[in-house]
Amino acid sequence: MITWNEWYDYYSDLSMSTPSDEYFVRMMESTWQIPEKDDAEATKQTVKHLHAEVKSRILQLARNDRALFRKIFNDFDLNGSESLTIDEVNNLIAKLRISVERKYIYPFFKIVDANNSGAIEFEEFEAYLLA
């Protein structure tokens, strides 16, 4: 268990060793996968575009064959948990050759994770593709 003071001291020291505040913010966004508040509309549009692109490429891979949805899902479920973690979704997006800043992965993930379980189950994945 890490105390608040230990956490604060660690990140205070870490921030002192970075070349700029902007660099530190980007590093924290990447590490924690939570973007700093920025232009909400631009973020919303980027995530919307990301959703459309991921969906389109997966449907192309599956050739609109619903039976292939499960195979694609299982191919990216690297730990065999029957659900996709945020890291596995990040891997899926990279394998689809979609270039996107890491800070948009979390908002994308949260939308597909309809039941807010912290993972994307196959039923959510399929519903996302068929919506």
Foldseek 3Di string as FASTA:
>chain_A
DADPVNVVVVLVVVVVPDPDPVVSQLVVCLVVLAHDDDDPVVLVVVLVVLLVLLLVLVCVVCVVPLVCLVVLQVVLCVVPPQWAALVSQVVSCVVSVHDDRSSSSVVNQCVLCVVPPRTHHSVSSSVSNVD
